[in-house]
């Protein structure tokens, strides 16, 4: 029963992705839909990162003693000013390893 569930879930995920990635299929999305979908990646990344950055021991932790918050702020500033993804990731990770 577990294998049937896993294989059926795999098929559903694959087919839903295949419809949008196969160029020969006549499925075309409108301009508004494509613009709307452009917001999904930042929204998902924010939903994943926000609890990690702002919550410690089931409480809101906003302060300089929160190394995750400090490194996230540094990463945001580096990304804004340098526009270099590799530099941003390396420097913010190095800072995290130093202060954590």
PDB file of N, CA and C in Angstrom:
ATOM      1  N   UNK A   1       0.816  -1.194   0.000  1.00  0.00           N
ATOM      2  CA  UNK A   1       0.000   0.000   0.000  1.00  0.00           C
ATOM      3  C   UNK A   1       0.865   1.266   0.000  1.00  0.00           C
ATOM      4  N   UNK A   2       1.960   1.231   0.745  1.00  0.00           N
ATOM      5  CA  UNK A   2       2.847   2.392   0.796  1.00  0.00           C
ATOM      6  C   UNK A   2       3.485   2.632  -0.571  1.00  0.00           C
ATOM      7  N   UNK A   3       3.896   1.560  -1.247  1.00  0.00           N
ATOM      8  CA  UNK A   3       4.517   1.719  -2.562  1.00  0.00           C
ATOM      9  C   UNK A   3       3.530   2.267  -3.581  1.00  0.00           C
ATOM     10  N   UNK A   4       2.293   1.853  -3.509  1.00  0.00           N
ATOM     11  CA  UNK A   4       1.277   2.378  -4.425  1.00  0.00           C
ATOM     12  C   UNK A   4       1.071   3.864  -4.178  1.00  0.00           C
ATOM     13  N   UNK A   5       1.036   4.260  -2.920  1.00  0.00           N
ATOM     14  CA  UNK A   5       0.883   5.674  -2.577  1.00  0.00           C
ATOM     15  C   UNK A   5       2.077   6.485  -3.076  1.00  0.00           C
ATOM     16  N   UNK A   6       3.290   5.990  -2.841  1.00  0.00           N
ATOM     17  CA  UNK A   6       4.489   6.703  -3.291  1.00  0.00           C
ATOM     18  C   UNK A   6       4.538   6.822  -4.806  1.00  0.00           C
ATOM     19  N   UNK A   7       4.243   5.755  -5.505  1.00  0.00           N
ATOM     20  CA  UNK A   7       4.283   5.795  -6.966  1.00  0.00           C
ATOM     21  C   UNK A   7       3.186   6.692  -7.535  1.00  0.00           C
ATOM     22  N   UNK A   8       2.011   6.679  -6.943  1.00  0.00           N
ATOM     23  CA  UNK A   8       0.952   7.554  -7.434  1.00  0.00           C
ATOM     24  C   UNK A   8       1.264   9.020  -7.155  1.00  0.00           C
ATOM     25  N   UNK A   9       1.841   9.322  -6.010  1.00  0.00           N
ATOM     26  CA  UNK A   9       2.238  10.704  -5.721  1.00  0.00           C
ATOM     27  C   UNK A   9       3.344  11.153  -6.672  1.00  0.00           C
ATOM     28  N   UNK A  10       4.278  10.253  -6.971  1.00  0.00           N
ATOM     29  CA  UNK A  10       5.344  10.568  -7.922  1.00  0.00           C
ATOM     30  C   UNK A  10       4.763  10.860  -9.292  1.00  0.00           C
ATOM     31  N   UNK A  11       3.808  10.065  -9.725  1.00  0.00           N
ATOM     32  CA  UNK A  11       3.188  10.277 -11.033  1.00  0.00           C
ATOM     33  C   UNK A  11       2.444  11.606 -11.090  1.00  0.00           C
ATOM     34  N   UNK A  12       1.733  11.943 -10.039  1.00  0.00           N
ATOM     35  CA  UNK A  12       0.993  13.207 -10.013  1.00  0.00           C
ATOM     36  C   UNK A  12       1.952  14.393 -10.080  1.00  0.00           C
ATOM     37  N   UNK A  13       3.014  14.349  -9.303  1.00  0.00           N
ATOM     38  CA  UNK A  13       3.994  15.446  -9.310  1.00  0.00           C
ATOM     39  C   UNK A  13       4.672  15.548 -10.665  1.00  0.00           C
ATOM     40  N   UNK A  14       5.090  14.421 -11.223  1.00  0.00           N
ATOM     41  CA  UNK A  14       5.767  14.442 -12.524  1.00  0.00           C
ATOM     42  C   UNK A  14       4.852  15.001 -13.604  1.00  0.00           C
ATOM     43  N   UNK A  15       3.628  14.521 -13.672  1.00  0.00           N
ATOM     44  CA  UNK A  15       2.719  14.975 -14.718  1.00  0.00           C
ATOM     45  C   UNK A  15       2.368  16.449 -14.573  1.00  0.00           C
ATOM     46  N   UNK A  16       2.219  16.923 -13.353  1.00  0.00           N
ATOM     47  CA  UNK A  16       1.909  18.344 -13.184  1.00  0.00           C
ATOM     48  C   UNK A  16       3.082  19.222 -13.597  1.00  0.00           C
ATOM     49  N   UNK A  17       4.297  18.770 -13.386  1.00  0.00           N
ATOM     50  CA  UNK A  17       5.473  19.529 -13.829  1.00  0.00           C
ATOM     51  C   UNK A  17       5.668  19.405 -15.339  1.00  0.00           C
ATOM     52  N   UNK A  18       5.411  18.221 -15.883  1.00  0.00           N
ATOM     53  CA  UNK A  18       5.623  17.965 -17.303  1.00  0.00           C
ATOM     54  C   UNK A  18       4.730  18.840 -18.165  1.00  0.00           C
ATOM     55  N   UNK A  19       3.512  19.102 -17.717  1.00  0.00           N
ATOM     56  CA  UNK A  19       2.600  19.933 -18.499  1.00  0.00           C
ATOM     57  C   UNK A  19       3.155  21.329 -18.741  1.00  0.00           C
ATOM     58  N   UNK A  20       3.892  21.855 -17.781  1.00  0.00           N
ATOM     59  CA  UNK A  20       4.425  23.213 -17.923  1.00  0.00           C
ATOM     60  C   UNK A  20       5.800  23.242 -18.582  1.00  0.00           C
ATOM     61  N   UNK A  21       6.522  22.123 -18.572  1.00  0.00           N
ATOM     62  CA  UNK A  21       7.878  22.124 -19.094  1.00  0.00           C
ATOM     63  C   UNK A  21       7.999  21.607 -20.530  1.00  0.00           C
ATOM     64  N   UNK A  22       7.055  20.844 -20.999  1.00  0.00           N
ATOM     65  CA  UNK A  22       7.121  20.292 -22.354  1.00  0.00           C
ATOM     66  C   UNK A  22       6.712  21.355 -23.362  1.00  0.00           C
ATOM     67  N   UNK A  23       7.632  21.774 -24.243  1.00  0.00           N
ATOM     68  CA  UNK A  23       7.318  22.863 -25.171  1.00  0.00           C
ATOM     69  C   UNK A  23       6.344  22.458 -26.290  1.00  0.00           C
ATOM     70  N   UNK A  24       6.196  21.175 -26.574  1.00  0.00           N
ATOM     71  CA  UNK A  24       5.315  20.756 -27.665  1.00  0.00           C
ATOM     72  C   UNK A  24       3.846  20.689 -27.260  1.00  0.00           C
ATOM     73  N   UNK A  25       3.569  20.753 -25.976  1.00  0.00           N
ATOM     74  CA  UNK A  25       2.165  20.741 -25.546  1.00  0.00           C
ATOM     75  C   UNK A  25       1.553  22.120 -25.767  1.00  0.00           C
ATOM     76  N   UNK A  26       0.282  22.172 -26.162  1.00  0.00           N
ATOM     77  CA  UNK A  26      -0.334  23.471 -26.498  1.00  0.00           C
ATOM     78  C   UNK A  26      -0.806  24.264 -25.277  1.00  0.00           C
ATOM     79  N   UNK A  27      -0.243  24.018 -24.131  1.00  0.00           N
ATOM     80  CA  UNK A  27      -0.653  24.733 -22.924  1.00  0.00           C
ATOM     81  C   UNK A  27       0.110  26.050 -22.829  1.00  0.00           C
ATOM     82  N   UNK A  28      -0.596  27.145 -22.857  1.00  0.00           N
ATOM     83  CA  UNK A  28       0.015  28.470 -22.749  1.00  0.00           C
ATOM     84  C   UNK A  28      -0.648  29.218 -21.602  1.00  0.00           C
ATOM     85  N   UNK A  29       0.162  29.856 -20.784  1.00  0.00           N
ATOM     86  CA  UNK A  29      -0.365  30.633 -19.669  1.00  0.00           C
ATOM     87  C   UNK A  29      -0.454  32.096 -20.070  1.00  0.00           C
ATOM     88  N   UNK A  30      -1.436  32.784 -19.519  1.00  0.00           N
ATOM     89  CA  UNK A  30      -1.604  34.195 -19.837  1.00  0.00           C
ATOM     90  C   UNK A  30      -0.490  35.024 -19.186  1.00  0.00           C
ATOM     91  N   UNK A  31      -0.366  36.244 -19.649  1.00  0.00           N
ATOM     92  CA  UNK A  31       0.661  37.141 -19.116  1.00  0.00           C
ATOM     93  C   UNK A  31       0.438  37.410 -17.630  1.00  0.00           C
ATOM     94  N   UNK A  32      -0.812  37.575 -17.220  1.00  0.00           N
ATOM     95  CA  UNK A  32      -1.121  37.820 -15.803  1.00  0.00           C
ATOM     96  C   UNK A  32      -0.772  36.613 -14.941  1.00  0.00           C
ATOM     97  N   UNK A  33      -1.040  35.408 -15.453  1.00  0.00           N
ATOM     98  CA  UNK A  33      -0.717  34.201 -14.699  1.00  0.00           C
ATOM     99  C   UNK A  33       0.785  34.053 -14.539  1.00  0.00           C
ATOM    100  N   UNK A  34       1.536  34.307 -15.594  1.00  0.00           N
ATOM    101  CA  UNK A  34       2.992  34.229 -15.500  1.00  0.00           C
ATOM    102  C   UNK A  34       3.541  35.263 -14.518  1.00  0.00           C
ATOM    103  N   UNK A  35       2.985  36.461 -14.531  1.00  0.00           N
ATOM    104  CA  UNK A  35       3.412  37.486 -13.586  1.00  0.00           C
ATOM    105  C   UNK A  35       3.075  37.072 -12.156  1.00  0.00           C
ATOM    106  N   UNK A  36       1.890  36.499 -11.963  1.00  0.00           N
ATOM    107  CA  UNK A  36       1.476  36.021 -10.642  1.00  0.00           C
ATOM    108  C   UNK A  36       2.396  34.907 -10.151  1.00  0.00           C
ATOM    109  N   UNK A  37       2.768  33.983 -11.025  1.00  0.00           N
ATOM    110  CA  UNK A  37       3.652  32.885 -10.638  1.00  0.00           C
ATOM    111  C   UNK A  37       5.071  33.363 -10.329  1.00  0.00           C
ATOM    112  N   UNK A  38       5.434  34.531 -10.834  1.00  0.00           N
ATOM    113  CA  UNK A  38       6.755  35.085 -10.543  1.00  0.00           C
ATOM    114  C   UNK A  38       6.947  35.420  -9.063  1.00  0.00           C
ATOM    115  N   UNK A  39       5.845  35.573  -8.337  1.00  0.00           N
ATOM    116  CA  UNK A  39       5.930  35.875  -6.913  1.00  0.00           C
ATOM    117  C   UNK A  39       6.000  34.627  -6.041  1.00  0.00           C
ATOM    118  N   UNK A  40       5.835  33.455  -6.616  1.00  0.00           N
ATOM    119  CA  UNK A  40       5.773  32.244  -5.798  1.00  0.00           C
ATOM    120  C   UNK A  40       7.118  31.881  -5.182  1.00  0.00           C
ATOM    121  N   UNK A  41       8.206  32.015  -5.917  1.00  0.00           N
ATOM    122  CA  UNK A  41       9.518  31.657  -5.367  1.00  0.00           C
ATOM    123  C   UNK A  41       9.912  32.545  -4.185  1.00  0.00           C
ATOM    124  N   UNK A  42       9.816  33.879  -4.295  1.00  0.00           N
ATOM    125  CA  UNK A  42      10.132  34.688  -3.116  1.00  0.00           C
ATOM    126  C   UNK A  42       9.215  34.410  -1.926  1.00  0.00           C
ATOM    127  N   UNK A  43       7.948  34.128  -2.194  1.00  0.00           N
ATOM    128  CA  UNK A  43       7.021  33.850  -1.100  1.00  0.00           C
ATOM    129  C   UNK A  43       7.382  32.549  -0.389  1.00  0.00           C
ATOM    130  N   UNK A  44       7.724  31.525  -1.138  1.00  0.00           N
ATOM    131  CA  UNK A  44       8.095  30.246  -0.537  1.00  0.00           C
ATOM    132  C   UNK A  44       9.404  30.372   0.234  1.00  0.00           C
ATOM    133  N   UNK A  45      10.387  31.053  -0.341  1.00  0.00           N
ATOM    134  CA  UNK A  45      11.662  31.227   0.354  1.00  0.00           C
ATOM    135  C   UNK A  45      11.498  32.038   1.636  1.00  0.00           C
ATOM    136  N   UNK A  46      10.650  33.041   1.606  1.00  0.00           N
ATOM    137  CA  UNK A  46      10.384  33.823   2.812  1.00  0.00           C
ATOM    138  C   UNK A  46       9.705  32.971   3.877  1.00  0.00           C
ATOM    139  N   UNK A  47       8.756  32.149   3.462  1.00  0.00           N
ATOM    140  CA  UNK A  47       8.056  31.286   4.420  1.00  0.00           C
ATOM    141  C   UNK A  47       8.989  30.259   5.047  1.00  0.00           C
ATOM    142  N   UNK A  48       9.991  29.828   4.312  1.00  0.00           N
ATOM    143  CA  UNK A  48      10.960  28.871   4.862  1.00  0.00           C
ATOM    144  C   UNK A  48      11.961  29.572   5.772  1.00  0.00           C
ATOM    145  N   UNK A  49      12.460  30.731   5.354  1.00  0.00           N
ATOM    146  CA  UNK A  49      13.550  31.389   6.069  1.00  0.00           C
ATOM    147  C   UNK A  49      13.099  32.174   7.292  1.00  0.00           C
ATOM    148  N   UNK A  50      11.915  32.743   7.270  1.00  0.00           N
ATOM    149  CA  UNK A  50      11.481  33.610   8.370  1.00  0.00           C
ATOM    150  C   UNK A  50      11.465  32.915   9.728  1.00  0.00           C
ATOM    151  N   UNK A  51      10.924  31.727   9.861  1.00  0.00           N
ATOM    152  CA  UNK A  51      10.962  31.085  11.183  1.00  0.00           C
ATOM    153  C   UNK A  51      12.382  30.762  11.650  1.00  0.00           C
ATOM    154  N   UNK A  52      13.260  30.431  10.713  1.00  0.00           N
ATOM    155  CA  UNK A  52      14.637  30.125  11.080  1.00  0.00           C
ATOM    156  C   UNK A  52      15.341  31.372  11.600  1.00  0.00           C
ATOM    157  N   UNK A  53      15.090  32.489  10.954  1.00  0.00           N
ATOM    158  CA  UNK A  53      15.792  33.728  11.289  1.00  0.00           C
ATOM    159  C   UNK A  53      15.218  34.385  12.542  1.00  0.00           C
ATOM    160  N   UNK A  54      13.899  34.399  12.693  1.00  0.00           N
ATOM    161  CA  UNK A  54      13.274  35.207  13.736  1.00  0.00           C
ATOM    162  C   UNK A  54      12.836  34.462  14.990  1.00  0.00           C
ATOM    163  N   UNK A  55      12.827  33.139  14.995  1.00  0.00           N
ATOM    164  CA  UNK A  55      12.299  32.393  16.138  1.00  0.00           C
ATOM    165  C   UNK A  55      13.401  31.559  16.787  1.00  0.00           C
ATOM    166  N   UNK A  56      13.553  31.701  18.089  1.00  0.00           N
ATOM    167  CA  UNK A  56      14.479  30.904  18.900  1.00  0.00           C
ATOM    168  C   UNK A  56      13.725  30.392  20.110  1.00  0.00           C
ATOM    169  N   UNK A  57      13.754  29.107  20.350  1.00  0.00           N
ATOM    170  CA  UNK A  57      13.105  28.486  21.511  1.00  0.00           C
ATOM    171  C   UNK A  57      11.636  28.892  21.622  1.00  0.00           C
ATOM    172  N   UNK A  58      10.924  28.820  20.530  1.00  0.00           N
ATOM    173  CA  UNK A  58       9.491  29.103  20.461  1.00  0.00           C
ATOM    174  C   UNK A  58       9.134  30.555  20.795  1.00  0.00           C
ATOM    175  N   UNK A  59      10.107  31.460  20.733  1.00  0.00           N
ATOM    176  CA  UNK A  59       9.848  32.870  21.006  1.00  0.00           C
ATOM    177  C   UNK A  59      10.484  33.725  19.929  1.00  0.00           C
ATOM    178  N   UNK A  60       9.894  34.879  19.715  1.00  0.00           N
ATOM    179  CA  UNK A  60      10.433  35.830  18.756  1.00  0.00           C
ATOM    180  C   UNK A  60      11.758  36.367  19.278  1.00  0.00           C
ATOM    181  N   UNK A  61      12.816  36.253  18.469  1.00  0.00           N
ATOM    182  CA  UNK A  61      14.150  36.669  18.891  1.00  0.00           C
ATOM    183  C   UNK A  61      14.666  37.738  17.939  1.00  0.00           C
ATOM    184  N   UNK A  62      14.416  38.981  18.301  1.00  0.00           N
ATOM    185  CA  UNK A  62      14.906  40.096  17.493  1.00  0.00           C
ATOM    186  C   UNK A  62      15.916  40.852  18.334  1.00  0.00           C
ATOM    187  N   UNK A  63      17.171  40.643  18.024  1.00  0.00           N
ATOM    188  CA  UNK A  63      18.239  41.304  18.758  1.00  0.00           C
ATOM    189  C   UNK A  63      19.586  40.902  18.195  1.00  0.00           C
ATOM    190  N   UNK A  64      20.617  41.585  18.639  1.00  0.00           N
ATOM    191  CA  UNK A  64      21.953  41.297  18.125  1.00  0.00           C
ATOM    192  C   UNK A  64      22.537  39.998  18.665  1.00  0.00           C
ATOM    193  N   UNK A  65      21.900  39.386  19.647  1.00  0.00           N
ATOM    194  CA  UNK A  65      22.368  38.097  20.140  1.00  0.00           C
ATOM    195  C   UNK A  65      21.882  36.935  19.270  1.00  0.00           C
ATOM    196  N   UNK A  66      21.001  37.197  18.311  1.00  0.00           N
ATOM    197  CA  UNK A  66      20.511  36.197  17.378  1.00  0.00           C
ATOM    198  C   UNK A  66      21.429  36.177  16.155  1.00  0.00           C
ATOM    199  N   UNK A  67      22.314  35.189  16.089  1.00  0.00           N
ATOM    200  CA  UNK A  67      23.297  35.137  15.003  1.00  0.00           C
ATOM    201  C   UNK A  67      22.630  34.913  13.644  1.00  0.00           C
ATOM    202  N   UNK A  68      21.520  34.209  13.616  1.00  0.00           N
ATOM    203  CA  UNK A  68      20.803  34.017  12.357  1.00  0.00           C
ATOM    204  C   UNK A  68      20.289  35.345  11.814  1.00  0.00           C
ATOM    205  N   UNK A  69      19.759  36.169  12.679  1.00  0.00           N
ATOM    206  CA  UNK A  69      19.231  37.469  12.261  1.00  0.00           C
ATOM    207  C   UNK A  69      20.354  38.390  11.787  1.00  0.00           C
ATOM    208  N   UNK A  70      21.452  38.410  12.525  1.00  0.00           N
ATOM    209  CA  UNK A  70      22.580  39.262  12.139  1.00  0.00           C
ATOM    210  C   UNK A  70      23.112  38.855  10.768  1.00  0.00           C
ATOM    211  N   UNK A  71      23.297  37.560  10.566  1.00  0.00           N
ATOM    212  CA  UNK A  71      23.817  37.090   9.283  1.00  0.00           C
ATOM    213  C   UNK A  71      22.813  37.294   8.156  1.00  0.00           C
ATOM    214  N   UNK A  72      21.531  37.180   8.441  1.00  0.00           N
ATOM    215  CA  UNK A  72      20.519  37.442   7.419  1.00  0.00           C
ATOM    216  C   UNK A  72      20.538  38.907   7.009  1.00  0.00           C
ATOM    217  N   UNK A  73      20.682  39.804   7.973  1.00  0.00           N
ATOM    218  CA  UNK A  73      20.760  41.235   7.650  1.00  0.00           C
ATOM    219  C   UNK A  73      22.007  41.545   6.826  1.00  0.00           C
ATOM    220  N   UNK A  74      23.123  40.938   7.203  1.00  0.00           N
ATOM    221  CA  UNK A  74      24.359  41.130   6.430  1.00  0.00           C
ATOM    222  C   UNK A  74      24.189  40.589   5.017  1.00  0.00           C
ATOM    223  N   UNK A  75      23.549  39.428   4.876  1.00  0.00           N
ATOM    224  CA  UNK A  75      23.326  38.848   3.553  1.00  0.00           C
ATOM    225  C   UNK A  75      22.433  39.741   2.694  1.00  0.00           C
ATOM    226  N   UNK A  76      21.397  40.308   3.294  1.00  0.00           N
ATOM    227  CA  UNK A  76      20.505  41.201   2.543  1.00  0.00           C
ATOM    228  C   UNK A  76      21.269  42.443   2.086  1.00  0.00           C
ATOM    229  N   UNK A  77      22.054  43.020   2.967  1.00  0.00           N
ATOM    230  CA  UNK A  77      22.834  44.211   2.592  1.00  0.00           C
ATOM    231  C   UNK A  77      23.876  43.893   1.520  1.00  0.00           C
ATOM    232  N   UNK A  78      24.561  42.771   1.674  1.00  0.00           N
ATOM    233  CA  UNK A  78      25.537  42.372   0.659  1.00  0.00           C
ATOM    234  C   UNK A  78      24.866  42.136  -0.693  1.00  0.00           C
ATOM    235  N   UNK A  79      23.741  41.471  -0.681  1.00  0.00           N
ATOM    236  CA  UNK A  79      23.039  41.205  -1.937  1.00  0.00           C
ATOM    237  C   UNK A  79      22.576  42.499  -2.588  1.00  0.00           C
ATOM    238  N   UNK A  80      22.118  43.427  -1.781  1.00  0.00           N
ATOM    239  CA  UNK A  80      21.632  44.692  -2.322  1.00  0.00           C
ATOM    240  C   UNK A  80      22.767  45.525  -2.928  1.00  0.00           C
ATOM    241  N   UNK A  81      23.882  45.606  -2.217  1.00  0.00           N
ATOM    242  CA  UNK A  81      24.955  46.490  -2.667  1.00  0.00           C
ATOM    243  C   UNK A  81      25.892  45.845  -3.685  1.00  0.00           C
ATOM    244  N   UNK A  82      26.152  44.561  -3.574  1.00  0.00           N
ATOM    245  CA  UNK A  82      27.117  43.940  -4.490  1.00  0.00           C
ATOM    246  C   UNK A  82      26.460  43.289  -5.699  1.00  0.00           C
ATOM    247  N   UNK A  83      25.227  42.817  -5.556  1.00  0.00           N
ATOM    248  CA  UNK A  83      24.524  42.087  -6.620  1.00  0.00           C
ATOM    249  C   UNK A  83      25.317  40.855  -7.066  1.00  0.00           C
ATOM    250  N   UNK A  84      26.101  40.298  -6.160  1.00  0.00           N
ATOM    251  CA  UNK A  84      26.930  39.133  -6.449  1.00  0.00           C
ATOM    252  C   UNK A  84      26.494  38.001  -5.520  1.00  0.00           C
ATOM    253  N   UNK A  85      25.867  36.992  -6.078  1.00  0.00           N
ATOM    254  CA  UNK A  85      25.311  35.916  -5.269  1.00  0.00           C
ATOM    255  C   UNK A  85      26.389  35.116  -4.564  1.00  0.00           C
ATOM    256  N   UNK A  86      27.442  34.766  -5.269  1.00  0.00           N
ATOM    257  CA  UNK A  86      28.509  33.963  -4.670  1.00  0.00           C
ATOM    258  C   UNK A  86      29.179  34.702  -3.521  1.00  0.00           C
ATOM    259  N   UNK A  87      29.494  35.964  -3.713  1.00  0.00           N
ATOM    260  CA  UNK A  87      30.103  36.762  -2.650  1.00  0.00           C
ATOM    261  C   UNK A  87      29.167  36.874  -1.451  1.00  0.00           C
ATOM    262  N   UNK A  88      27.897  37.082  -1.697  1.00  0.00           N
ATOM    263  CA  UNK A  88      26.920  37.194  -0.618  1.00  0.00           C
ATOM    264  C   UNK A  88      26.845  35.912   0.197  1.00  0.00           C
ATOM    265  N   UNK A  89      26.749  34.784  -0.483  1.00  0.00           N
ATOM    266  CA  UNK A  89      26.647  33.498   0.222  1.00  0.00           C
ATOM    267  C   UNK A  89      27.917  33.208   1.004  1.00  0.00           C
ATOM    268  N   UNK A  90      29.066  33.383   0.386  1.00  0.00           N
ATOM    269  CA  UNK A  90      30.329  33.063   1.065  1.00  0.00           C
ATOM    270  C   UNK A  90      30.584  33.958   2.274  1.00  0.00           C
ATOM    271  N   UNK A  91      30.382  35.250   2.121  1.00  0.00           N
ATOM    272  CA  UNK A  91      30.651  36.154   3.240  1.00  0.00           C
ATOM    273  C   UNK A  91      29.648  35.993   4.380  1.00  0.00           C
ATOM    274  N   UNK A  92      28.377  35.804   4.045  1.00  0.00           N
ATOM    275  CA  UNK A  92      27.404  35.632   5.125  1.00  0.00           C
ATOM    276  C   UNK A  92      27.582  34.291   5.828  1.00  0.00           C
ATOM    277  N   UNK A  93      27.971  33.247   5.096  1.00  0.00           N
ATOM    278  CA  UNK A  93      28.255  31.964   5.747  1.00  0.00           C
ATOM    279  C   UNK A  93      29.500  32.051   6.618  1.00  0.00           C
ATOM    280  N   UNK A  94      30.520  32.745   6.127  1.00  0.00           N
ATOM    281  CA  UNK A  94      31.741  32.911   6.921  1.00  0.00           C
ATOM    282  C   UNK A  94      31.443  33.677   8.203  1.00  0.00           C
ATOM    283  N   UNK A  95      30.656  34.730   8.102  1.00  0.00           N
ATOM    284  CA  UNK A  95      30.273  35.483   9.295  1.00  0.00           C
ATOM    285  C   UNK A  95      29.490  34.601  10.265  1.00  0.00           C
ATOM    286  N   UNK A  96      28.598  33.768   9.743  1.00  0.00           N
ATOM    287  CA  UNK A  96      27.825  32.889  10.597  1.00  0.00           C
ATOM    288  C   UNK A  96      28.726  31.913  11.341  1.00  0.00           C
ATOM    289  N   UNK A  97      29.696  31.341  10.658  1.00  0.00           N
ATOM    290  CA  UNK A  97      30.608  30.406  11.313  1.00  0.00           C
ATOM    291  C   UNK A  97      31.495  31.101  12.353  1.00  0.00           C
ATOM    292  N   UNK A  98      31.803  32.356  12.135  1.00  0.00           N
ATOM    293  CA  UNK A  98      32.626  33.104  13.082  1.00  0.00           C
ATOM    294  C   UNK A  98      31.835  33.457  14.356  1.00  0.00           C
ATOM    295  N   UNK A  99      30.596  33.928  14.190  1.00  0.00           N
ATOM    296  CA  UNK A  99      29.864  34.405  15.359  1.00  0.00           C
ATOM    297  C   UNK A  99      28.958  33.372  15.987  1.00  0.00           C
ATOM    298  N   UNK A 100      28.735  32.245  15.359  1.00  0.00           N
ATOM    299  CA  UNK A 100      27.833  31.245  15.940  1.00  0.00           C
ATOM    300  C   UNK A 100      28.632  30.326  16.787  1.00  0.00           C
TER     301      UNK A 100
END
